[in-house]
Amino acid sequence: MSSHNNSSSSSANDPRQPSTAKPYVPSVVAAQDLPVDYSGFIAVIFGVAGVMFRYKLSSWLAIIFCAQSLANMRNLENDLKQISMAMMFAIMGLVTNYFGPARPGTKS
């Protein structure tokens, strides 16, 4: 009793045969159907919080999330716009925090 079927139809579909192997071709996904880039979104939120509330930690976290989003970028045009906006907010927050006027009620 053999567990292998030696018919010609099963040998044509056998993935172990190099002649019948087909390379993987990923399907094309539209830009609007891509999953959300959460690290880019979080970078924008932290960047805006760093500028608005003058939190240094928030601006540094925005830079870190920008780097992560840049490393995982899927769609060049859309993601680059979001990353550049988040990076501008983060840099703006760092410049105003470190080189801007002191906050009222704090000593520098």
PDB file of N, CA and C in Angstrom:
ATOM      1  N   MET A   1       0.844  -1.161   0.000  1.00  0.00           N
ATOM      2  CA  MET A   1       0.000   0.000   0.000  1.00  0.00           C
ATOM      3  C   MET A   1       0.896   1.234   0.000  1.00  0.00           C
ATOM      4  N   SER A   2       0.863   1.954  -1.057  1.00  0.00           N
ATOM      5  CA  SER A   2       1.725   3.125  -1.218  1.00  0.00           C
ATOM      6  C   SER A   2       0.913   4.387  -0.974  1.00  0.00           C
ATOM      7  N   SER A   3       1.522   5.321  -0.262  1.00  0.00           N
ATOM      8  CA  SER A   3       0.824   6.579   0.007  1.00  0.00           C
ATOM      9  C   SER A   3       1.020   7.583  -1.119  1.00  0.00           C
ATOM     10  N   HIS A   4       1.939   7.318  -2.036  1.00  0.00           N
ATOM     11  CA  HIS A   4       2.200   8.228  -3.148  1.00  0.00           C
ATOM     12  C   HIS A   4       1.394   7.794  -4.354  1.00  0.00           C
ATOM     13  N   ASN A   5       0.842   8.759  -5.037  1.00  0.00           N
ATOM     14  CA  ASN A   5       0.108   8.496  -6.257  1.00  0.00           C
ATOM     15  C   ASN A   5       1.036   8.818  -7.421  1.00  0.00           C
ATOM     16  N   ASN A   6       1.263   7.897  -8.307  1.00  0.00           N
ATOM     17  CA  ASN A   6       2.237   8.078  -9.372  1.00  0.00           C
ATOM     18  C   ASN A   6       1.587   8.501 -10.678  1.00  0.00           C
ATOM     19  N   SER A   7       0.474   9.175 -10.633  1.00  0.00           N
ATOM     20  CA  SER A   7      -0.162   9.607 -11.870  1.00  0.00           C
ATOM     21  C   SER A   7       0.547  10.840 -12.416  1.00  0.00           C
ATOM     22  N   SER A   8       0.366  11.104 -13.693  1.00  0.00           N
ATOM     23  CA  SER A   8       1.069  12.212 -14.338  1.00  0.00           C
ATOM     24  C   SER A   8       0.522  13.571 -13.882  1.00  0.00           C
ATOM     25  N   SER A   9      -0.732  13.636 -13.457  1.00  0.00           N
ATOM     26  CA  SER A   9      -1.305  14.923 -13.033  1.00  0.00           C
ATOM     27  C   SER A   9      -0.704  15.390 -11.711  1.00  0.00           C
ATOM     28  N   SER A  10      -0.390  14.476 -10.809  1.00  0.00           N
ATOM     29  CA  SER A  10       0.187  14.887  -9.539  1.00  0.00           C
ATOM     30  C   SER A  10       1.649  15.285  -9.698  1.00  0.00           C
ATOM     31  N   SER A  11       2.365  14.686 -10.658  1.00  0.00           N
ATOM     32  CA  SER A  11       3.768  15.064 -10.840  1.00  0.00           C
ATOM     33  C   SER A  11       3.878  16.443 -11.494  1.00  0.00           C
ATOM     34  N   ALA A  12       2.882  16.862 -12.257  1.00  0.00           N
ATOM     35  CA  ALA A  12       2.907  18.198 -12.866  1.00  0.00           C
ATOM     36  C   ALA A  12       2.693  19.279 -11.818  1.00  0.00           C
ATOM     37  N   ASN A  13       1.980  18.973 -10.744  1.00  0.00           N
ATOM     38  CA  ASN A  13       1.714  19.945  -9.683  1.00  0.00           C
ATOM     39  C   ASN A  13       2.656  19.806  -8.503  1.00  0.00           C
ATOM     40  N   ASP A  14       3.666  18.988  -8.631  1.00  0.00           N
ATOM     41  CA  ASP A  14       4.591  18.741  -7.536  1.00  0.00           C
ATOM     42  C   ASP A  14       5.544  19.930  -7.386  1.00  0.00           C
ATOM     43  N   PRO A  15       5.513  20.645  -6.237  1.00  0.00           N
ATOM     44  CA  PRO A  15       6.381  21.821  -6.083  1.00  0.00           C
ATOM     45  C   PRO A  15       7.849  21.464  -5.909  1.00  0.00           C
ATOM     46  N   ARG A  16       8.136  20.176  -5.723  1.00  0.00           N
ATOM     47  CA  ARG A  16       9.525  19.775  -5.559  1.00  0.00           C
ATOM     48  C   ARG A  16      10.249  19.669  -6.890  1.00  0.00           C
ATOM     49  N   GLN A  17       9.523  19.715  -7.969  1.00  0.00           N
ATOM     50  CA  GLN A  17      10.139  19.646  -9.288  1.00  0.00           C
ATOM     51  C   GLN A  17      10.613  21.047  -9.693  1.00  0.00           C
ATOM     52  N   PRO A  18      11.887  21.226  -9.952  1.00  0.00           N
ATOM     53  CA  PRO A  18      12.395  22.559 -10.312  1.00  0.00           C
ATOM     54  C   PRO A  18      11.792  23.105 -11.596  1.00  0.00           C
ATOM     55  N   SER A  19      11.446  22.239 -12.517  1.00  0.00           N
ATOM     56  CA  SER A  19      10.899  22.728 -13.788  1.00  0.00           C
ATOM     57  C   SER A  19       9.495  23.285 -13.628  1.00  0.00           C
ATOM     58  N   THR A  20       8.753  22.861 -12.600  1.00  0.00           N
ATOM     59  CA  THR A  20       7.389  23.354 -12.418  1.00  0.00           C
ATOM     60  C   THR A  20       7.299  24.479 -11.387  1.00  0.00           C
ATOM     61  N   ALA A  21       8.408  24.831 -10.764  1.00  0.00           N
ATOM     62  CA  ALA A  21       8.387  25.901  -9.758  1.00  0.00           C
ATOM     63  C   ALA A  21       8.224  27.252 -10.441  1.00  0.00           C
ATOM     64  N   LYS A  22       7.385  28.079  -9.857  1.00  0.00           N
ATOM     65  CA  LYS A  22       7.151  29.424 -10.393  1.00  0.00           C
ATOM     66  C   LYS A  22       7.591  30.442  -9.357  1.00  0.00           C
ATOM     67  N   PRO A  23       8.271  31.499  -9.779  1.00  0.00           N
ATOM     68  CA  PRO A  23       8.703  32.520  -8.809  1.00  0.00           C
ATOM     69  C   PRO A  23       7.508  33.287  -8.254  1.00  0.00           C
ATOM     70  N   TYR A  24       7.653  33.739  -7.009  1.00  0.00           N
ATOM     71  CA  TYR A  24       6.587  34.503  -6.362  1.00  0.00           C
ATOM     72  C   TYR A  24       6.554  35.910  -6.927  1.00  0.00           C
ATOM     73  N   VAL A  25       5.375  36.338  -7.339  1.00  0.00           N
ATOM     74  CA  VAL A  25       5.183  37.696  -7.832  1.00  0.00           C
ATOM     75  C   VAL A  25       4.130  38.346  -6.932  1.00  0.00           C
ATOM     76  N   PRO A  26       4.521  39.365  -6.137  1.00  0.00           N
ATOM     77  CA  PRO A  26       3.531  39.988  -5.250  1.00  0.00           C
ATOM     78  C   PRO A  26       2.482  40.743  -6.045  1.00  0.00           C
ATOM     79  N   SER A  27       1.263  40.752  -5.527  1.00  0.00           N
ATOM     80  CA  SER A  27       0.192  41.469  -6.197  1.00  0.00           C
ATOM     81  C   SER A  27       0.359  42.973  -5.994  1.00  0.00           C
ATOM     82  N   VAL A  28      -0.073  43.732  -6.953  1.00  0.00           N
ATOM     83  CA  VAL A  28       0.051  45.189  -6.902  1.00  0.00           C
ATOM     84  C   VAL A  28      -1.086  45.729  -6.041  1.00  0.00           C
ATOM     85  N   VAL A  29      -0.734  46.579  -5.062  1.00  0.00           N
ATOM     86  CA  VAL A  29      -1.711  47.163  -4.159  1.00  0.00           C
ATOM     87  C   VAL A  29      -1.750  48.665  -4.410  1.00  0.00           C
ATOM     88  N   ALA A  30      -2.947  49.209  -4.523  1.00  0.00           N
ATOM     89  CA  ALA A  30      -3.090  50.650  -4.744  1.00  0.00           C
ATOM     90  C   ALA A  30      -2.632  51.417  -3.505  1.00  0.00           C
ATOM     91  N   ALA A  31      -2.226  52.670  -3.706  1.00  0.00           N
ATOM     92  CA  ALA A  31      -1.688  53.489  -2.610  1.00  0.00           C
ATOM     93  C   ALA A  31      -2.727  53.723  -1.520  1.00  0.00           C
ATOM     94  N   GLN A  32      -3.992  53.871  -1.900  1.00  0.00           N
ATOM     95  CA  GLN A  32      -5.016  54.126  -0.889  1.00  0.00           C
ATOM     96  C   GLN A  32      -5.403  52.873  -0.118  1.00  0.00           C
ATOM     97  N   ASP A  33      -4.990  51.703  -0.594  1.00  0.00           N
ATOM     98  CA  ASP A  33      -5.308  50.451   0.091  1.00  0.00           C
ATOM     99  C   ASP A  33      -4.204  49.969   1.024  1.00  0.00           C
ATOM    100  N   LEU A  34      -3.090  50.700   1.095  1.00  0.00           N
ATOM    101  CA  LEU A  34      -1.997  50.301   1.980  1.00  0.00           C
ATOM    102  C   LEU A  34      -2.397  50.499   3.439  1.00  0.00           C
ATOM    103  N   PRO A  35      -1.832  49.724   4.346  1.00  0.00           N
ATOM    104  CA  PRO A  35      -2.158  49.922   5.762  1.00  0.00           C
ATOM    105  C   PRO A  35      -1.613  51.249   6.281  1.00  0.00           C
ATOM    106  N   VAL A  36      -2.196  51.717   7.367  1.00  0.00           N
ATOM    107  CA  VAL A  36      -1.829  53.004   7.938  1.00  0.00           C
ATOM    108  C   VAL A  36      -0.427  52.920   8.534  1.00  0.00           C
ATOM    109  N   ASP A  37       0.355  53.987   8.322  1.00  0.00           N
ATOM    110  CA  ASP A  37       1.691  54.077   8.903  1.00  0.00           C
ATOM    111  C   ASP A  37       1.553  54.718  10.278  1.00  0.00           C
ATOM    112  N   TYR A  38       1.430  53.862  11.297  1.00  0.00           N
ATOM    113  CA  TYR A  38       1.193  54.372  12.648  1.00  0.00           C
ATOM    114  C   TYR A  38       2.386  55.130  13.203  1.00  0.00           C
ATOM    115  N   SER A  39       3.600  54.707  12.871  1.00  0.00           N
ATOM    116  CA  SER A  39       4.767  55.419  13.401  1.00  0.00           C
ATOM    117  C   SER A  39       4.860  56.823  12.809  1.00  0.00           C
ATOM    118  N   GLY A  40       4.468  57.003  11.562  1.00  0.00           N
ATOM    119  CA  GLY A  40       4.433  58.346  10.975  1.00  0.00           C
ATOM    120  C   GLY A  40       3.368  59.217  11.614  1.00  0.00           C
ATOM    121  N   PHE A  41       2.215  58.628  11.900  1.00  0.00           N
ATOM    122  CA  PHE A  41       1.136  59.373  12.549  1.00  0.00           C
ATOM    123  C   PHE A  41       1.532  59.782  13.969  1.00  0.00           C
ATOM    124  N   ILE A  42       2.153  58.870  14.692  1.00  0.00           N
ATOM    125  CA  ILE A  42       2.598  59.171  16.058  1.00  0.00           C
ATOM    126  C   ILE A  42       3.686  60.235  16.032  1.00  0.00           C
ATOM    127  N   ALA A  43       4.552  60.199  15.004  1.00  0.00           N
ATOM    128  CA  ALA A  43       5.598  61.214  14.874  1.00  0.00           C
ATOM    129  C   ALA A  43       4.986  62.604  14.692  1.00  0.00           C
ATOM    130  N   VAL A  44       3.928  62.700  13.910  1.00  0.00           N
ATOM    131  CA  VAL A  44       3.261  63.995  13.718  1.00  0.00           C
ATOM    132  C   VAL A  44       2.645  64.466  15.029  1.00  0.00           C
ATOM    133  N   ILE A  45       1.994  63.560  15.751  1.00  0.00           N
ATOM    134  CA  ILE A  45       1.361  63.927  17.018  1.00  0.00           C
ATOM    135  C   ILE A  45       2.408  64.421  18.018  1.00  0.00           C
ATOM    136  N   PHE A  46       3.507  63.678  18.157  1.00  0.00           N
ATOM    137  CA  PHE A  46       4.564  64.101  19.075  1.00  0.00           C
ATOM    138  C   PHE A  46       5.217  65.399  18.619  1.00  0.00           C
ATOM    139  N   GLY A  47       5.389  65.587  17.320  1.00  0.00           N
ATOM    140  CA  GLY A  47       5.987  66.817  16.811  1.00  0.00           C
ATOM    141  C   GLY A  47       5.132  68.031  17.106  1.00  0.00           C
ATOM    142  N   VAL A  48       3.837  67.897  16.897  1.00  0.00           N
ATOM    143  CA  VAL A  48       2.925  69.012  17.186  1.00  0.00           C
ATOM    144  C   VAL A  48       2.886  69.291  18.680  1.00  0.00           C
ATOM    145  N   ALA A  49       2.871  68.247  19.493  1.00  0.00           N
ATOM    146  CA  ALA A  49       2.880  68.443  20.948  1.00  0.00           C
ATOM    147  C   ALA A  49       4.175  69.104  21.401  1.00  0.00           C
ATOM    148  N   GLY A  50       5.286  68.762  20.763  1.00  0.00           N
ATOM    149  CA  GLY A  50       6.559  69.376  21.111  1.00  0.00           C
ATOM    150  C   GLY A  50       6.589  70.856  20.809  1.00  0.00           C
ATOM    151  N   VAL A  51       5.974  71.248  19.698  1.00  0.00           N
ATOM    152  CA  VAL A  51       5.932  72.669  19.335  1.00  0.00           C
ATOM    153  C   VAL A  51       4.914  73.414  20.183  1.00  0.00           C
ATOM    154  N   MET A  52       3.732  72.846  20.325  1.00  0.00           N
ATOM    155  CA  MET A  52       2.649  73.558  21.014  1.00  0.00           C
ATOM    156  C   MET A  52       2.893  73.679  22.516  1.00  0.00           C
ATOM    157  N   PHE A  53       3.312  72.586  23.146  1.00  0.00           N
ATOM    158  CA  PHE A  53       3.465  72.582  24.597  1.00  0.00           C
ATOM    159  C   PHE A  53       4.912  72.728  25.044  1.00  0.00           C
ATOM    160  N   ARG A  54       5.831  72.806  24.057  1.00  0.00           N
ATOM    161  CA  ARG A  54       7.263  72.978  24.305  1.00  0.00           C
ATOM    162  C   ARG A  54       7.824  71.874  25.188  1.00  0.00           C
ATOM    163  N   TYR A  55       7.518  70.635  24.807  1.00  0.00           N
ATOM    164  CA  TYR A  55       8.053  69.469  25.493  1.00  0.00           C
ATOM    165  C   TYR A  55       9.252  68.949  24.706  1.00  0.00           C
ATOM    166  N   LYS A  56      10.410  68.919  25.356  1.00  0.00           N
ATOM    167  CA  LYS A  56      11.614  68.428  24.682  1.00  0.00           C
ATOM    168  C   LYS A  56      11.506  66.937  24.388  1.00  0.00           C
ATOM    169  N   LEU A  57      11.002  66.184  25.346  1.00  0.00           N
ATOM    170  CA  LEU A  57      10.877  64.739  25.166  1.00  0.00           C
ATOM    171  C   LEU A  57       9.963  64.405  23.983  1.00  0.00           C
ATOM    172  N   SER A  58       8.903  65.165  23.840  1.00  0.00           N
ATOM    173  CA  SER A  58       7.979  64.929  22.745  1.00  0.00           C
ATOM    174  C   SER A  58       8.649  65.176  21.388  1.00  0.00           C
ATOM    175  N   SER A  59       9.471  66.208  21.309  1.00  0.00           N
ATOM    176  CA  SER A  59      10.180  66.482  20.053  1.00  0.00           C
ATOM    177  C   SER A  59      11.204  65.397  19.745  1.00  0.00           C
ATOM    178  N   TRP A  60      11.894  64.894  20.754  1.00  0.00           N
ATOM    179  CA  TRP A  60      12.855  63.820  20.534  1.00  0.00           C
ATOM    180  C   TRP A  60      12.152  62.533  20.126  1.00  0.00           C
ATOM    181  N   LEU A  61      11.007  62.250  20.737  1.00  0.00           N
ATOM    182  CA  LEU A  61      10.245  61.061  20.339  1.00  0.00           C
ATOM    183  C   LEU A  61       9.741  61.176  18.905  1.00  0.00           C
ATOM    184  N   ALA A  62       9.393  62.394  18.499  1.00  0.00           N
ATOM    185  CA  ALA A  62       8.955  62.608  17.115  1.00  0.00           C
ATOM    186  C   ALA A  62      10.090  62.290  16.147  1.00  0.00           C
ATOM    187  N   ILE A  63      11.316  62.665  16.489  1.00  0.00           N
ATOM    188  CA  ILE A  63      12.470  62.356  15.629  1.00  0.00           C
ATOM    189  C   ILE A  63      12.666  60.840  15.544  1.00  0.00           C
ATOM    190  N   ILE A  64      12.527  60.143  16.661  1.00  0.00           N
ATOM    191  CA  ILE A  64      12.707  58.688  16.675  1.00  0.00           C
ATOM    192  C   ILE A  64      11.636  58.007  15.828  1.00  0.00           C
ATOM    193  N   PHE A  65      10.387  58.434  15.977  1.00  0.00           N
ATOM    194  CA  PHE A  65       9.315  57.829  15.179  1.00  0.00           C
ATOM    195  C   PHE A  65       9.437  58.197  13.706  1.00  0.00           C
ATOM    196  N   CYS A  66       9.999  59.365  13.395  1.00  0.00           N
ATOM    197  CA  CYS A  66      10.258  59.722  11.997  1.00  0.00           C
ATOM    198  C   CYS A  66      11.274  58.766  11.389  1.00  0.00           C
ATOM    199  N   ALA A  67      12.325  58.459  12.139  1.00  0.00           N
ATOM    200  CA  ALA A  67      13.339  57.529  11.648  1.00  0.00           C
ATOM    201  C   ALA A  67      12.749  56.141  11.437  1.00  0.00           C
ATOM    202  N   GLN A  68      11.897  55.713  12.347  1.00  0.00           N
ATOM    203  CA  GLN A  68      11.260  54.403  12.200  1.00  0.00           C
ATOM    204  C   GLN A  68      10.335  54.390  10.990  1.00  0.00           C
ATOM    205  N   SER A  69       9.583  55.443  10.796  1.00  0.00           N
ATOM    206  CA  SER A  69       8.688  55.519   9.652  1.00  0.00           C
ATOM    207  C   SER A  69       9.468  55.581   8.346  1.00  0.00           C
ATOM    208  N   LEU A  70      10.601  56.265   8.364  1.00  0.00           N
ATOM    209  CA  LEU A  70      11.440  56.339   7.173  1.00  0.00           C
ATOM    210  C   LEU A  70      12.022  54.973   6.828  1.00  0.00           C
ATOM    211  N   ALA A  71      12.382  54.201   7.839  1.00  0.00           N
ATOM    212  CA  ALA A  71      12.934  52.875   7.599  1.00  0.00           C
ATOM    213  C   ALA A  71      11.883  51.901   7.078  1.00  0.00           C
ATOM    214  N   ASN A  72      10.622  52.102   7.439  1.00  0.00           N
ATOM    215  CA  ASN A  72       9.552  51.188   7.026  1.00  0.00           C
ATOM    216  C   ASN A  72       8.667  51.768   5.935  1.00  0.00           C
ATOM    217  N   MET A  73       9.172  52.719   5.172  1.00  0.00           N
ATOM    218  CA  MET A  73       8.365  53.424   4.176  1.00  0.00           C
ATOM    219  C   MET A  73       7.932  52.480   3.052  1.00  0.00           C
ATOM    220  N   ARG A  74       6.637  52.501   2.721  1.00  0.00           N
ATOM    221  CA  ARG A  74       6.109  51.650   1.665  1.00  0.00           C
ATOM    222  C   ARG A  74       5.793  52.454   0.408  1.00  0.00           C
ATOM    223  N   ASN A  75       5.131  53.568   0.566  1.00  0.00           N
ATOM    224  CA  ASN A  75       4.742  54.393  -0.566  1.00  0.00           C
ATOM    225  C   ASN A  75       5.558  55.676  -0.501  1.00  0.00           C
ATOM    226  N   LEU A  76       6.420  55.877  -1.476  1.00  0.00           N
ATOM    227  CA  LEU A  76       7.382  56.974  -1.421  1.00  0.00           C
ATOM    228  C   LEU A  76       6.702  58.332  -1.350  1.00  0.00           C
ATOM    229  N   GLU A  77       5.719  58.578  -2.205  1.00  0.00           N
ATOM    230  CA  GLU A  77       5.137  59.920  -2.282  1.00  0.00           C
ATOM    231  C   GLU A  77       4.338  60.294  -1.037  1.00  0.00           C
ATOM    232  N   ASN A  78       3.409  59.435  -0.632  1.00  0.00           N
ATOM    233  CA  ASN A  78       2.553  59.766   0.510  1.00  0.00           C
ATOM    234  C   ASN A  78       3.312  59.753   1.827  1.00  0.00           C
ATOM    235  N   ASP A  79       4.137  58.729   2.032  1.00  0.00           N
ATOM    236  CA  ASP A  79       4.859  58.619   3.298  1.00  0.00           C
ATOM    237  C   ASP A  79       5.909  59.701   3.450  1.00  0.00           C
ATOM    238  N   LEU A  80       6.541  60.105   2.357  1.00  0.00           N
ATOM    239  CA  LEU A  80       7.573  61.131   2.440  1.00  0.00           C
ATOM    240  C   LEU A  80       6.982  62.477   2.843  1.00  0.00           C
ATOM    241  N   LYS A  81       5.771  62.754   2.390  1.00  0.00           N
ATOM    242  CA  LYS A  81       5.103  64.001   2.802  1.00  0.00           C
ATOM    243  C   LYS A  81       4.834  63.998   4.305  1.00  0.00           C
ATOM    244  N   GLN A  82       4.343  62.885   4.802  1.00  0.00           N
ATOM    245  CA  GLN A  82       4.030  62.792   6.221  1.00  0.00           C
ATOM    246  C   GLN A  82       5.294  62.823   7.069  1.00  0.00           C
ATOM    247  N   ILE A  83       6.335  62.132   6.632  1.00  0.00           N
ATOM    248  CA  ILE A  83       7.585  62.114   7.393  1.00  0.00           C
ATOM    249  C   ILE A  83       8.228  63.495   7.399  1.00  0.00           C
ATOM    250  N   SER A  84       8.199  64.176   6.252  1.00  0.00           N
ATOM    251  CA  SER A  84       8.814  65.506   6.208  1.00  0.00           C
ATOM    252  C   SER A  84       8.050  66.491   7.089  1.00  0.00           C
ATOM    253  N   MET A  85       6.731  66.393   7.138  1.00  0.00           N
ATOM    254  CA  MET A  85       5.953  67.278   8.012  1.00  0.00           C
ATOM    255  C   MET A  85       6.254  66.987   9.476  1.00  0.00           C
ATOM    256  N   ALA A  86       6.327  65.723   9.834  1.00  0.00           N
ATOM    257  CA  ALA A  86       6.637  65.360  11.220  1.00  0.00           C
ATOM    258  C   ALA A  86       8.049  65.795  11.592  1.00  0.00           C
ATOM    259  N   MET A  87       8.985  65.643  10.667  1.00  0.00           N
ATOM    260  CA  MET A  87      10.365  66.051  10.936  1.00  0.00           C
ATOM    261  C   MET A  87      10.462  67.570  11.103  1.00  0.00           C
ATOM    262  N   MET A  88       9.711  68.317  10.312  1.00  0.00           N
ATOM    263  CA  MET A  88       9.723  69.777  10.467  1.00  0.00           C
ATOM    264  C   MET A  88       9.171  70.194  11.822  1.00  0.00           C
ATOM    265  N   PHE A  89       8.085  69.567  12.250  1.00  0.00           N
ATOM    266  CA  PHE A  89       7.533  69.883  13.571  1.00  0.00           C
ATOM    267  C   PHE A  89       8.521  69.509  14.674  1.00  0.00           C
ATOM    268  N   ALA A  90       9.173  68.367  14.534  1.00  0.00           N
ATOM    269  CA  ALA A  90      10.118  67.928  15.565  1.00  0.00           C
ATOM    270  C   ALA A  90      11.315  68.873  15.644  1.00  0.00           C
ATOM    271  N   ILE A  91      11.860  69.244  14.507  1.00  0.00           N
ATOM    272  CA  ILE A  91      13.010  70.159  14.506  1.00  0.00           C
ATOM    273  C   ILE A  91      12.602  71.535  15.002  1.00  0.00           C
ATOM    274  N   MET A  92      11.416  71.987  14.593  1.00  0.00           N
ATOM    275  CA  MET A  92      10.920  73.271  15.077  1.00  0.00           C
ATOM    276  C   MET A  92      10.762  73.259  16.589  1.00  0.00           C
ATOM    277  N   GLY A  93      10.252  72.166  17.126  1.00  0.00           N
ATOM    278  CA  GLY A  93      10.096  72.051  18.571  1.00  0.00           C
ATOM    279  C   GLY A  93      11.434  72.043  19.288  1.00  0.00           C
ATOM    280  N   LEU A  94      12.411  71.327  18.730  1.00  0.00           N
ATOM    281  CA  LEU A  94      13.732  71.292  19.361  1.00  0.00           C
ATOM    282  C   LEU A  94      14.411  72.654  19.312  1.00  0.00           C
ATOM    283  N   VAL A  95      14.291  73.353  18.202  1.00  0.00           N
ATOM    284  CA  VAL A  95      14.912  74.681  18.084  1.00  0.00           C
ATOM    285  C   VAL A  95      14.275  75.659  19.058  1.00  0.00           C
ATOM    286  N   THR A  96      12.951  75.649  19.142  1.00  0.00           N
ATOM    287  CA  THR A  96      12.305  76.586  20.073  1.00  0.00           C
ATOM    288  C   THR A  96      12.561  76.200  21.522  1.00  0.00           C
ATOM    289  N   ASN A  97      12.706  74.910  21.808  1.00  0.00           N
ATOM    290  CA  ASN A  97      12.967  74.484  23.191  1.00  0.00           C
ATOM    291  C   ASN A  97      14.378  74.823  23.640  1.00  0.00           C
ATOM    292  N   TYR A  98      15.350  74.615  22.764  1.00  0.00           N
ATOM    293  CA  TYR A  98      16.737  74.792  23.171  1.00  0.00           C
ATOM    294  C   TYR A  98      17.270  76.202  22.908  1.00  0.00           C
ATOM    295  N   PHE A  99      16.778  76.869  21.877  1.00  0.00           N
ATOM    296  CA  PHE A  99      17.323  78.175  21.521  1.00  0.00           C
ATOM    297  C   PHE A  99      16.324  79.313  21.645  1.00  0.00           C
ATOM    298  N   GLY A 100      15.075  79.014  21.921  1.00  0.00           N
ATOM    299  CA  GLY A 100      14.055  80.047  22.018  1.00  0.00           C
ATOM    300  C   GLY A 100      14.053  80.727  23.368  1.00  0.00           C
ATOM    301  N   PRO A 101      13.144  81.666  23.539  1.00  0.00           N
ATOM    302  CA  PRO A 101      13.043  82.348  24.837  1.00  0.00           C
ATOM    303  C   PRO A 101      12.573  81.383  25.918  1.00  0.00           C
ATOM    304  N   ALA A 102      12.956  81.666  27.153  1.00  0.00           N
ATOM    305  CA  ALA A 102      12.574  80.809  28.274  1.00  0.00           C
ATOM    306  C   ALA A 102      11.083  80.923  28.531  1.00  0.00           C
ATOM    307  N   ARG A 103      10.514  79.842  29.012  1.00  0.00           N
ATOM    308  CA  ARG A 103       9.093  79.859  29.362  1.00  0.00           C
ATOM    309  C   ARG A 103       8.891  80.723  30.597  1.00  0.00           C
ATOM    310  N   PRO A 104       7.787  81.404  30.674  1.00  0.00           N
ATOM    311  CA  PRO A 104       7.545  82.201  31.887  1.00  0.00           C
ATOM    312  C   PRO A 104       7.395  81.301  33.104  1.00  0.00           C
ATOM    313  N   GLY A 105       7.992  81.702  34.183  1.00  0.00           N
ATOM    314  CA  GLY A 105       7.894  80.953  35.426  1.00  0.00           C
ATOM    315  C   GLY A 105       8.974  79.900  35.585  1.00  0.00           C
ATOM    316  N   THR A 106       9.899  79.788  34.641  1.00  0.00           N
ATOM    317  CA  THR A 106      10.987  78.831  34.765  1.00  0.00           C
ATOM    318  C   THR A 106      12.318  79.573  34.711  1.00  0.00           C
ATOM    319  N   LYS A 107      13.300  79.012  35.371  1.00  0.00           N
ATOM    320  CA  LYS A 107      14.648  79.590  35.336  1.00  0.00           C
ATOM    321  C   LYS A 107      15.464  78.817  34.306  1.00  0.00           C
ATOM    322  N   SER A 108      16.330  79.534  33.587  1.00  0.00           N
ATOM    323  CA  SER A 108      17.191  78.817  32.650  1.00  0.00           C
ATOM    324  C   SER A 108      18.625  78.859  33.052  1.00  0.00           C
TER     325      SER A 108
END
